[in-house]
Amino acid sequence: MIRDITLGQYYPGNSVIHRLDARTKIIATLLYIVVLFMVKNFWGFLIAAAFMFAIIEFSRVPVRFIFRGLTAVFLIIAFTFVINLFMVDGRVLWEWKFLSITYEGVSRAFFMAVRLVLLIIGSSLMTLTTKPIELTDGLEKLLKPFSKIGLPSHEIALMMTIALRFIPTLMEETDKIIKAQQARGADFESGNLLYRAKALIPILIPLFINSFRIAQDLALAMEARCYHGGSGRTRMNEIKFHRGDVIAALLMAVFTGIIVLSRSL
């Protein structure tokens, strides 16, 4: 399950989505997330899902690879579904003692689960089709207007990109530690909840040590390359908007308009 996390990974390719400007993909992803919370009915979610599958097709990233990332957050999705299923009042469909399932609960649980799935897929697709350096440059460009009020746009963009970039690395480290502990006879699956929580200590301590080691190595590497922040920093490849970015922006505007209209269905 650790290796199934796709958020932060980059899938090499030369598709239409890969060639888009990083700023276009960042803004489109944020707009898509906002639009998902505007959807209130079945038709809206159907349109949002169809739009996302079309983007996946254009990105040429294997569908199986994208959906593999959902297995790591399956418990969160299932927990959200169950909470909404039993905690919403309305027309009762099934009842047993203090538990009851309502029509409104089923509807909200289904919509919430679909919303989470689409949100995770959309966020993962952005990182899968955008190189870390392009993501950093795009974030910095978007945050640059706020630097006039003292916001360190370059540093914030760098921290966010490093955090995303090292998610897969830390997951690999965790997987190695778990296998090493299991080879020494550790048991992480049997016992009650308290026992399992205590069993995580031999994983967390080495993971924290390795995390600090990776951070120190990264800091030394940046210092050895005379890194001094964003002031006066030049780039080998400047990011620019192209015709594809204009078409993508128009498509997102049309998609948003369709979702707004679907609320009245």
C-alpha atoms as a PDB file:
ATOM      1  CA  MET A   1       0.000   0.000   0.000  1.00  0.00           C
ATOM      2  CA  ILE A   2       2.909   2.356   0.698  1.00  0.00           C
ATOM      3  CA  ARG A   3       4.110   2.140  -2.895  1.00  0.00           C
ATOM      4  CA  ASP A   4       0.627   2.870  -4.208  1.00  0.00           C
ATOM      5  CA  ILE A   5       0.851   6.569  -3.297  1.00  0.00           C
ATOM      6  CA  THR A   6       1.167   8.470  -6.589  1.00  0.00           C
ATOM      7  CA  LEU A   7       0.861  12.035  -5.236  1.00  0.00           C
ATOM      8  CA  GLY A   8       4.161  13.831  -5.799  1.00  0.00           C
ATOM      9  CA  GLN A   9       5.411  11.433  -8.460  1.00  0.00           C
ATOM     10  CA  TYR A  10       6.114  12.477 -12.052  1.00  0.00           C
ATOM     11  CA  TYR A  11       5.110  10.267 -14.975  1.00  0.00           C
ATOM     12  CA  PRO A  12       7.351  11.084 -17.983  1.00  0.00           C
ATOM     13  CA  GLY A  13       5.520  11.879 -21.199  1.00  0.00           C
ATOM     14  CA  ASN A  14       5.028  14.326 -24.037  1.00  0.00           C
ATOM     15  CA  SER A  15       1.248  14.572 -24.120  1.00  0.00           C
ATOM     16  CA  VAL A  16      -0.850  17.697 -24.558  1.00  0.00           C
ATOM     17  CA  ILE A  17      -1.286  17.902 -20.777  1.00  0.00           C
ATOM     18  CA  HIS A  18       2.449  17.476 -20.145  1.00  0.00           C
ATOM     19  CA  ARG A  19       3.221  20.386 -22.485  1.00  0.00           C
ATOM     20  CA  LEU A  20       0.864  22.817 -20.750  1.00  0.00           C
ATOM     21  CA  ASP A  21       2.317  25.599 -18.643  1.00  0.00           C
ATOM     22  CA  ALA A  22       2.638  24.678 -14.966  1.00  0.00           C
ATOM     23  CA  ARG A  23       0.616  27.766 -13.999  1.00  0.00           C
ATOM     24  CA  THR A  24      -2.249  26.614 -16.213  1.00  0.00           C
ATOM     25  CA  LYS A  25      -2.309  23.201 -14.538  1.00  0.00           C
ATOM     26  CA  ILE A  26      -2.095  24.639 -11.023  1.00  0.00           C
ATOM     27  CA  ILE A  27      -4.946  27.097 -11.620  1.00  0.00           C
ATOM     28  CA  ALA A  28      -7.017  24.466 -13.441  1.00  0.00           C
ATOM     29  CA  THR A  29      -6.556  21.999 -10.563  1.00  0.00           C
ATOM     30  CA  LEU A  30      -7.591  24.567  -7.947  1.00  0.00           C
ATOM     31  CA  LEU A  31     -10.599  25.580 -10.056  1.00  0.00           C
ATOM     32  CA  TYR A  32     -11.583  21.929 -10.528  1.00  0.00           C
ATOM     33  CA  ILE A  33     -11.479  21.374  -6.755  1.00  0.00           C
ATOM     34  CA  VAL A  34     -13.653  24.445  -6.175  1.00  0.00           C
ATOM     35  CA  VAL A  35     -16.090  23.287  -8.859  1.00  0.00           C
ATOM     36  CA  LEU A  36     -16.332  19.847  -7.221  1.00  0.00           C
ATOM     37  CA  PHE A  37     -17.699  21.465  -4.072  1.00  0.00           C
ATOM     38  CA  MET A  38     -20.251  23.329  -6.188  1.00  0.00           C
ATOM     39  CA  VAL A  39     -21.718  20.088  -7.545  1.00  0.00           C
ATOM     40  CA  LYS A  40     -24.958  19.127  -5.818  1.00  0.00           C
ATOM     41  CA  ASN A  41     -26.571  16.411  -7.980  1.00  0.00           C
ATOM     42  CA  PHE A  42     -25.914  13.263  -9.978  1.00  0.00           C
ATOM     43  CA  TRP A  43     -25.624  15.022 -13.341  1.00  0.00           C
ATOM     44  CA  GLY A  44     -22.995  17.400 -12.040  1.00  0.00           C
ATOM     45  CA  PHE A  45     -20.815  14.558 -10.742  1.00  0.00           C
ATOM     46  CA  LEU A  46     -21.293  12.670 -14.008  1.00  0.00           C
ATOM     47  CA  ILE A  47     -20.080  15.691 -15.983  1.00  0.00           C
ATOM     48  CA  ALA A  48     -17.132  16.230 -13.599  1.00  0.00           C
ATOM     49  CA  ALA A  49     -16.124  12.545 -13.841  1.00  0.00           C
ATOM     50  CA  ALA A  50     -16.430  12.539 -17.654  1.00  0.00           C
ATOM     51  CA  PHE A  51     -14.307  15.692 -17.855  1.00  0.00           C
ATOM     52  CA  MET A  52     -11.628  14.162 -15.611  1.00  0.00           C
ATOM     53  CA  PHE A  53     -11.504  10.928 -17.642  1.00  0.00           C
ATOM     54  CA  ALA A  54     -11.120  12.986 -20.818  1.00  0.00           C
ATOM     55  CA  ILE A  55      -8.141  14.800 -19.254  1.00  0.00           C
ATOM     56  CA  ILE A  56      -6.633  11.449 -18.222  1.00  0.00           C
ATOM     57  CA  GLU A  57      -7.017  10.205 -21.797  1.00  0.00           C
ATOM     58  CA  PHE A  58      -5.255  13.304 -23.168  1.00  0.00           C
ATOM     59  CA  SER A  59      -2.471  12.978 -20.570  1.00  0.00           C
ATOM     60  CA  ARG A  60      -1.688   9.404 -21.702  1.00  0.00           C
ATOM     61  CA  VAL A  61      -1.042   8.402 -18.103  1.00  0.00           C
ATOM     62  CA  PRO A  62      -2.297   4.822 -17.574  1.00  0.00           C
ATOM     63  CA  VAL A  63      -5.655   4.757 -15.788  1.00  0.00           C
ATOM     64  CA  ARG A  64      -4.476   1.823 -13.687  1.00  0.00           C
ATOM     65  CA  PHE A  65      -1.488   3.833 -12.462  1.00  0.00           C
ATOM     66  CA  ILE A  66      -3.717   6.764 -11.444  1.00  0.00           C
ATOM     67  CA  PHE A  67      -6.290   4.612  -9.666  1.00  0.00           C
ATOM     68  CA  ARG A  68      -3.508   2.771  -7.852  1.00  0.00           C
ATOM     69  CA  GLY A  69      -3.033   5.934  -5.812  1.00  0.00           C
ATOM     70  CA  LEU A  70      -6.555   5.572  -4.405  1.00  0.00           C
ATOM     71  CA  THR A  71      -5.733   2.346  -2.560  1.00  0.00           C
ATOM     72  CA  ALA A  72      -3.556   4.269  -0.082  1.00  0.00           C
ATOM     73  CA  VAL A  73      -6.490   6.503   0.926  1.00  0.00           C
ATOM     74  CA  PHE A  74      -9.199   3.862   0.661  1.00  0.00           C
ATOM     75  CA  LEU A  75      -9.743   3.811   4.434  1.00  0.00           C
ATOM     76  CA  ILE A  76     -10.283   7.591   4.497  1.00  0.00           C
ATOM     77  CA  ILE A  77     -12.813   7.374   1.668  1.00  0.00           C
ATOM     78  CA  ALA A  78     -14.582   4.419   3.318  1.00  0.00           C
ATOM     79  CA  PHE A  79     -14.666   6.187   6.702  1.00  0.00           C
ATOM     80  CA  THR A  80     -16.135   9.332   5.107  1.00  0.00           C
ATOM     81  CA  PHE A  81     -18.746   7.222   3.318  1.00  0.00           C
ATOM     82  CA  VAL A  82     -19.824   5.406   6.506  1.00  0.00           C
ATOM     83  CA  ILE A  83     -19.986   8.612   8.584  1.00  0.00           C
ATOM     84  CA  ASN A  84     -22.247  10.314   6.044  1.00  0.00           C
ATOM     85  CA  LEU A  85     -24.298   7.150   5.590  1.00  0.00           C
ATOM     86  CA  PHE A  86     -25.345   6.876   9.239  1.00  0.00           C
ATOM     87  CA  MET A  87     -25.219  10.497  10.424  1.00  0.00           C
ATOM     88  CA  VAL A  88     -27.719  12.204   8.113  1.00  0.00           C
ATOM     89  CA  ASP A  89     -31.385  12.546   9.036  1.00  0.00           C
ATOM     90  CA  GLY A  90     -34.173  12.092   6.501  1.00  0.00           C
ATOM     91  CA  ARG A  91     -36.404   9.428   5.000  1.00  0.00           C
ATOM     92  CA  VAL A  92     -35.521   6.149   6.726  1.00  0.00           C
ATOM     93  CA  LEU A  93     -34.621   3.245   4.432  1.00  0.00           C
ATOM     94  CA  TRP A  94     -33.262   0.862   7.068  1.00  0.00           C
ATOM     95  CA  GLU A  95     -33.216   0.966  10.850  1.00  0.00           C
ATOM     96  CA  TRP A  96     -31.792  -1.242  13.577  1.00  0.00           C
ATOM     97  CA  LYS A  97     -31.699  -0.083  17.188  1.00  0.00           C
ATOM     98  CA  PHE A  98     -29.802   3.213  17.211  1.00  0.00           C
ATOM     99  CA  LEU A  99     -28.523   2.821  13.639  1.00  0.00           C
ATOM    100  CA  SER A 100     -30.472   4.068  10.656  1.00  0.00           C
ATOM    101  CA  ILE A 101     -29.814   4.652   6.973  1.00  0.00           C
ATOM    102  CA  THR A 102     -31.718   7.374   5.201  1.00  0.00           C
ATOM    103  CA  TYR A 103     -32.184   8.256   1.564  1.00  0.00           C
ATOM    104  CA  GLU A 104     -30.431  11.567   2.149  1.00  0.00           C
ATOM    105  CA  GLY A 105     -27.591   9.758   3.936  1.00  0.00           C
ATOM    106  CA  VAL A 106     -27.023   7.378   1.018  1.00  0.00           C
ATOM    107  CA  SER A 107     -27.067  10.287  -1.429  1.00  0.00           C
ATOM    108  CA  ARG A 108     -24.625  12.412   0.577  1.00  0.00           C
ATOM    109  CA  ALA A 109     -22.302   9.470   1.302  1.00  0.00           C
ATOM    110  CA  PHE A 110     -22.131   8.554  -2.384  1.00  0.00           C
ATOM    111  CA  PHE A 111     -21.547  12.134  -3.502  1.00  0.00           C
ATOM    112  CA  MET A 112     -18.905  12.735  -0.829  1.00  0.00           C
ATOM    113  CA  ALA A 113     -17.002   9.567  -1.784  1.00  0.00           C
ATOM    114  CA  VAL A 114     -17.094  10.483  -5.489  1.00  0.00           C
ATOM    115  CA  ARG A 115     -15.992  14.037  -4.663  1.00  0.00           C
ATOM    116  CA  LEU A 116     -12.982  12.746  -2.697  1.00  0.00           C
ATOM    117  CA  VAL A 117     -12.015  10.316  -5.458  1.00  0.00           C
ATOM    118  CA  LEU A 118     -12.150  13.005  -8.149  1.00  0.00           C
ATOM    119  CA  LEU A 119     -10.296  15.469  -5.912  1.00  0.00           C
ATOM    120  CA  ILE A 120      -7.454  13.004  -5.302  1.00  0.00           C
ATOM    121  CA  ILE A 121      -7.260  12.028  -8.987  1.00  0.00           C
ATOM    122  CA  GLY A 122      -7.197  15.663 -10.081  1.00  0.00           C
ATOM    123  CA  SER A 123      -4.428  16.565  -7.614  1.00  0.00           C
ATOM    124  CA  SER A 124      -2.382  13.491  -8.527  1.00  0.00           C
ATOM    125  CA  LEU A 125      -2.743  14.176 -12.250  1.00  0.00           C
ATOM    126  CA  MET A 126      -1.217  17.634 -11.794  1.00  0.00           C
ATOM    127  CA  THR A 127       1.938  16.246 -10.162  1.00  0.00           C
ATOM    128  CA  LEU A 128       2.091  13.261 -12.541  1.00  0.00           C
ATOM    129  CA  THR A 129       2.220  15.548 -15.594  1.00  0.00           C
ATOM    130  CA  THR A 130       4.371  18.374 -14.172  1.00  0.00           C
ATOM    131  CA  LYS A 131       8.092  18.208 -13.450  1.00  0.00           C
ATOM    132  CA  PRO A 132       9.086  19.371  -9.935  1.00  0.00           C
ATOM    133  CA  ILE A 133      11.197  22.254 -11.285  1.00  0.00           C
ATOM    134  CA  GLU A 134       8.298  23.423 -13.486  1.00  0.00           C
ATOM    135  CA  LEU A 135       5.943  23.161 -10.523  1.00  0.00           C
ATOM    136  CA  THR A 136       8.287  25.330  -8.452  1.00  0.00           C
ATOM    137  CA  ASP A 137       8.573  27.945 -11.198  1.00  0.00           C
ATOM    138  CA  GLY A 138       4.811  27.964 -11.749  1.00  0.00           C
ATOM    139  CA  LEU A 139       4.035  28.419  -8.061  1.00  0.00           C
ATOM    140  CA  GLU A 140       6.625  31.153  -7.759  1.00  0.00           C
ATOM    141  CA  LYS A 141       5.204  33.024 -10.755  1.00  0.00           C
ATOM    142  CA  LEU A 142       1.685  32.801  -9.344  1.00  0.00           C
ATOM    143  CA  LEU A 143       2.799  33.994  -5.900  1.00  0.00           C
ATOM    144  CA  LYS A 144       5.128  36.704  -7.197  1.00  0.00           C
ATOM    145  CA  PRO A 145       2.522  39.545  -7.033  1.00  0.00           C
ATOM    146  CA  PHE A 146       2.228  38.883  -3.287  1.00  0.00           C
ATOM    147  CA  SER A 147       5.963  39.522  -2.812  1.00  0.00           C
ATOM    148  CA  LYS A 148       5.169  43.252  -2.862  1.00  0.00           C
ATOM    149  CA  ILE A 149       3.557  42.821   0.557  1.00  0.00           C
ATOM    150  CA  GLY A 150       6.526  40.862   1.913  1.00  0.00           C
ATOM    151  CA  LEU A 151       5.449  37.308   1.034  1.00  0.00           C
ATOM    152  CA  PRO A 152       8.532  35.164   0.198  1.00  0.00           C
ATOM    153  CA  SER A 153       7.053  33.653  -2.960  1.00  0.00           C
ATOM    154  CA  HIS A 154      10.149  31.734  -4.038  1.00  0.00           C
ATOM    155  CA  GLU A 155      10.745  30.159  -0.632  1.00  0.00           C
ATOM    156  CA  ILE A 156       7.078  29.128  -0.272  1.00  0.00           C
ATOM    157  CA  ALA A 157       7.022  27.619  -3.764  1.00  0.00           C
ATOM    158  CA  LEU A 158      10.268  25.760  -3.067  1.00  0.00           C
ATOM    159  CA  MET A 159       8.994  24.339   0.235  1.00  0.00           C
ATOM    160  CA  MET A 160       5.718  23.160  -1.294  1.00  0.00           C
ATOM    161  CA  THR A 161       7.494  21.506  -4.199  1.00  0.00           C
ATOM    162  CA  ILE A 162      10.053  19.796  -1.957  1.00  0.00           C
ATOM    163  CA  ALA A 163       7.235  18.526   0.257  1.00  0.00           C
ATOM    164  CA  LEU A 164       5.427  17.037  -2.766  1.00  0.00           C
ATOM    165  CA  ARG A 165       8.633  15.705  -4.275  1.00  0.00           C
ATOM    166  CA  PHE A 166       9.706  13.819  -1.149  1.00  0.00           C
ATOM    167  CA  ILE A 167       6.360  12.121  -0.472  1.00  0.00           C
ATOM    168  CA  PRO A 168       7.311   9.131  -2.694  1.00  0.00           C
ATOM    169  CA  THR A 169      10.823   9.088  -1.202  1.00  0.00           C
ATOM    170  CA  LEU A 170       9.527   8.904   2.361  1.00  0.00           C
ATOM    171  CA  MET A 171       7.019   6.239   1.345  1.00  0.00           C
ATOM    172  CA  GLU A 172       9.856   4.135  -0.079  1.00  0.00           C
ATOM    173  CA  GLU A 173      11.834   4.624   3.129  1.00  0.00           C
ATOM    174  CA  THR A 174       8.812   3.540   5.171  1.00  0.00           C
ATOM    175  CA  ASP A 175       8.371   0.446   3.014  1.00  0.00           C
ATOM    176  CA  LYS A 176      12.048  -0.490   3.462  1.00  0.00           C
ATOM    177  CA  ILE A 177      11.838  -0.050   7.248  1.00  0.00           C
ATOM    178  CA  ILE A 178       8.667  -2.160   7.488  1.00  0.00           C
ATOM    179  CA  LYS A 179      10.246  -4.987   5.487  1.00  0.00           C
ATOM    180  CA  ALA A 180      13.427  -4.805   7.551  1.00  0.00           C
ATOM    181  CA  GLN A 181      11.463  -4.983  10.807  1.00  0.00           C
ATOM    182  CA  GLN A 182       9.322  -7.860   9.512  1.00  0.00           C
ATOM    183  CA  ALA A 183      12.490  -9.734   8.561  1.00  0.00           C
ATOM    184  CA  ARG A 184      13.515  -9.387  12.212  1.00  0.00           C
ATOM    185  CA  GLY A 185      10.223 -10.901  13.364  1.00  0.00           C
ATOM    186  CA  ALA A 186       8.142  -7.769  13.935  1.00  0.00           C
ATOM    187  CA  ASP A 187       4.366  -8.217  13.731  1.00  0.00           C
ATOM    188  CA  PHE A 188       2.259  -5.222  12.663  1.00  0.00           C
ATOM    189  CA  GLU A 189      -1.043  -6.959  11.943  1.00  0.00           C
ATOM    190  CA  SER A 190      -2.047  -9.024  14.979  1.00  0.00           C
ATOM    191  CA  GLY A 191      -3.203  -7.770  18.368  1.00  0.00           C
ATOM    192  CA  ASN A 192      -5.514  -5.005  19.490  1.00  0.00           C
ATOM    193  CA  LEU A 193      -5.353  -1.339  18.506  1.00  0.00           C
ATOM    194  CA  LEU A 194      -3.024  -0.398  21.380  1.00  0.00           C
ATOM    195  CA  TYR A 195      -0.609  -3.203  20.503  1.00  0.00           C
ATOM    196  CA  ARG A 196      -0.532  -2.147  16.846  1.00  0.00           C
ATOM    197  CA  ALA A 197       0.109   1.467  17.850  1.00  0.00           C
ATOM    198  CA  LYS A 198       3.081   0.390  19.987  1.00  0.00           C
ATOM    199  CA  ALA A 199       4.347  -1.750  17.109  1.00  0.00           C
ATOM    200  CA  LEU A 200       4.670   1.399  14.975  1.00  0.00           C
ATOM    201  CA  ILE A 201       7.400   2.824  17.226  1.00  0.00           C
ATOM    202  CA  PRO A 202      10.181   0.748  15.556  1.00  0.00           C
ATOM    203  CA  ILE A 203       8.992   2.251  12.246  1.00  0.00           C
ATOM    204  CA  LEU A 204       8.561   5.883  13.279  1.00  0.00           C
ATOM    205  CA  ILE A 205      11.944   6.336  14.976  1.00  0.00           C
ATOM    206  CA  PRO A 206      14.063   5.198  11.977  1.00  0.00           C
ATOM    207  CA  LEU A 207      11.731   7.108   9.646  1.00  0.00           C
ATOM    208  CA  PHE A 208      12.268  10.364  11.548  1.00  0.00           C
ATOM    209  CA  ILE A 209      16.038   9.782  11.586  1.00  0.00           C
ATOM    210  CA  ASN A 210      16.087   9.113   7.836  1.00  0.00           C
ATOM    211  CA  SER A 211      13.893  12.168   7.199  1.00  0.00           C
ATOM    212  CA  PHE A 212      16.330  14.437   9.052  1.00  0.00           C
ATOM    213  CA  ARG A 213      19.232  12.817   7.191  1.00  0.00           C
ATOM    214  CA  ILE A 214      17.557  13.443   3.812  1.00  0.00           C
ATOM    215  CA  ALA A 215      16.799  17.049   4.811  1.00  0.00           C
ATOM    216  CA  GLN A 216      20.419  17.580   5.886  1.00  0.00           C
ATOM    217  CA  ASP A 217      21.756  16.088   2.629  1.00  0.00           C
ATOM    218  CA  LEU A 218      19.429  18.332   0.633  1.00  0.00           C
ATOM    219  CA  ALA A 219      20.510  21.426   2.579  1.00  0.00           C
ATOM    220  CA  LEU A 220      24.202  20.585   2.066  1.00  0.00           C
ATOM    221  CA  ALA A 221      23.613  20.009  -1.658  1.00  0.00           C
ATOM    222  CA  MET A 222      21.849  23.366  -2.005  1.00  0.00           C
ATOM    223  CA  GLU A 223      24.607  25.102  -0.065  1.00  0.00           C
ATOM    224  CA  ALA A 224      27.320  23.437  -2.193  1.00  0.00           C
ATOM    225  CA  ARG A 225      25.591  24.826  -5.287  1.00  0.00           C
ATOM    226  CA  CYS A 226      25.599  28.330  -3.792  1.00  0.00           C
ATOM    227  CA  TYR A 227      21.839  28.507  -3.442  1.00  0.00           C
ATOM    228  CA  HIS A 228      20.817  31.857  -1.929  1.00  0.00           C
ATOM    229  CA  GLY A 229      17.089  32.192  -2.520  1.00  0.00           C
ATOM    230  CA  GLY A 230      15.051  33.696  -5.309  1.00  0.00           C
ATOM    231  CA  SER A 231      16.635  37.144  -5.557  1.00  0.00           C
ATOM    232  CA  GLY A 232      18.631  37.488  -8.789  1.00  0.00           C
ATOM    233  CA  ARG A 233      18.049  33.841  -9.684  1.00  0.00           C
ATOM    234  CA  THR A 234      17.929  33.020 -13.396  1.00  0.00           C
ATOM    235  CA  ARG A 235      16.375  30.021 -15.166  1.00  0.00           C
ATOM    236  CA  MET A 236      17.595  27.897 -18.018  1.00  0.00           C
ATOM    237  CA  ASN A 237      14.056  27.541 -19.402  1.00  0.00           C
ATOM    238  CA  GLU A 238      11.552  30.327 -18.831  1.00  0.00           C
ATOM    239  CA  ILE A 239       7.944  29.164 -18.641  1.00  0.00           C
ATOM    240  CA  LYS A 240       5.592  30.809 -21.132  1.00  0.00           C
ATOM    241  CA  PHE A 241       1.940  30.561 -22.034  1.00  0.00           C
ATOM    242  CA  HIS A 242       1.171  28.996 -25.407  1.00  0.00           C
ATOM    243  CA  ARG A 243      -1.887  28.408 -27.541  1.00  0.00           C
ATOM    244  CA  GLY A 244      -2.596  25.160 -25.722  1.00  0.00           C
ATOM    245  CA  ASP A 245      -2.858  27.050 -22.430  1.00  0.00           C
ATOM    246  CA  VAL A 246      -5.456  29.406 -23.926  1.00  0.00           C
ATOM    247  CA  ILE A 247      -7.501  26.432 -25.189  1.00  0.00           C
ATOM    248  CA  ALA A 248      -7.212  24.750 -21.770  1.00  0.00           C
ATOM    249  CA  ALA A 249      -8.417  27.940 -20.050  1.00  0.00           C
ATOM    250  CA  LEU A 250     -11.419  28.156 -22.398  1.00  0.00           C
ATOM    251  CA  LEU A 251     -12.271  24.503 -21.771  1.00  0.00           C
ATOM    252  CA  MET A 252     -12.122  25.052 -18.007  1.00  0.00           C
ATOM    253  CA  ALA A 253     -14.394  28.087 -18.353  1.00  0.00           C
ATOM    254  CA  VAL A 254     -16.894  26.051 -20.402  1.00  0.00           C
ATOM    255  CA  PHE A 255     -16.708  23.183 -17.892  1.00  0.00           C
ATOM    256  CA  THR A 256     -17.327  25.559 -14.979  1.00  0.00           C
ATOM    257  CA  GLY A 257     -20.300  27.085 -16.769  1.00  0.00           C
ATOM    258  CA  ILE A 258     -21.798  23.641 -17.458  1.00  0.00           C
ATOM    259  CA  ILE A 259     -21.425  22.677 -13.792  1.00  0.00           C
ATOM    260  CA  VAL A 260     -23.145  25.906 -12.695  1.00  0.00           C
ATOM    261  CA  LEU A 261     -26.009  25.162 -15.086  1.00  0.00           C
ATOM    262  CA  SER A 262     -26.247  21.553 -13.877  1.00  0.00           C
ATOM    263  CA  ARG A 263     -27.065  22.783 -10.348  1.00  0.00           C
ATOM    264  CA  SER A 264     -30.526  23.712 -11.609  1.00  0.00           C
ATOM    265  CA  LEU A 265     -31.215  20.193 -12.956  1.00  0.00           C
END
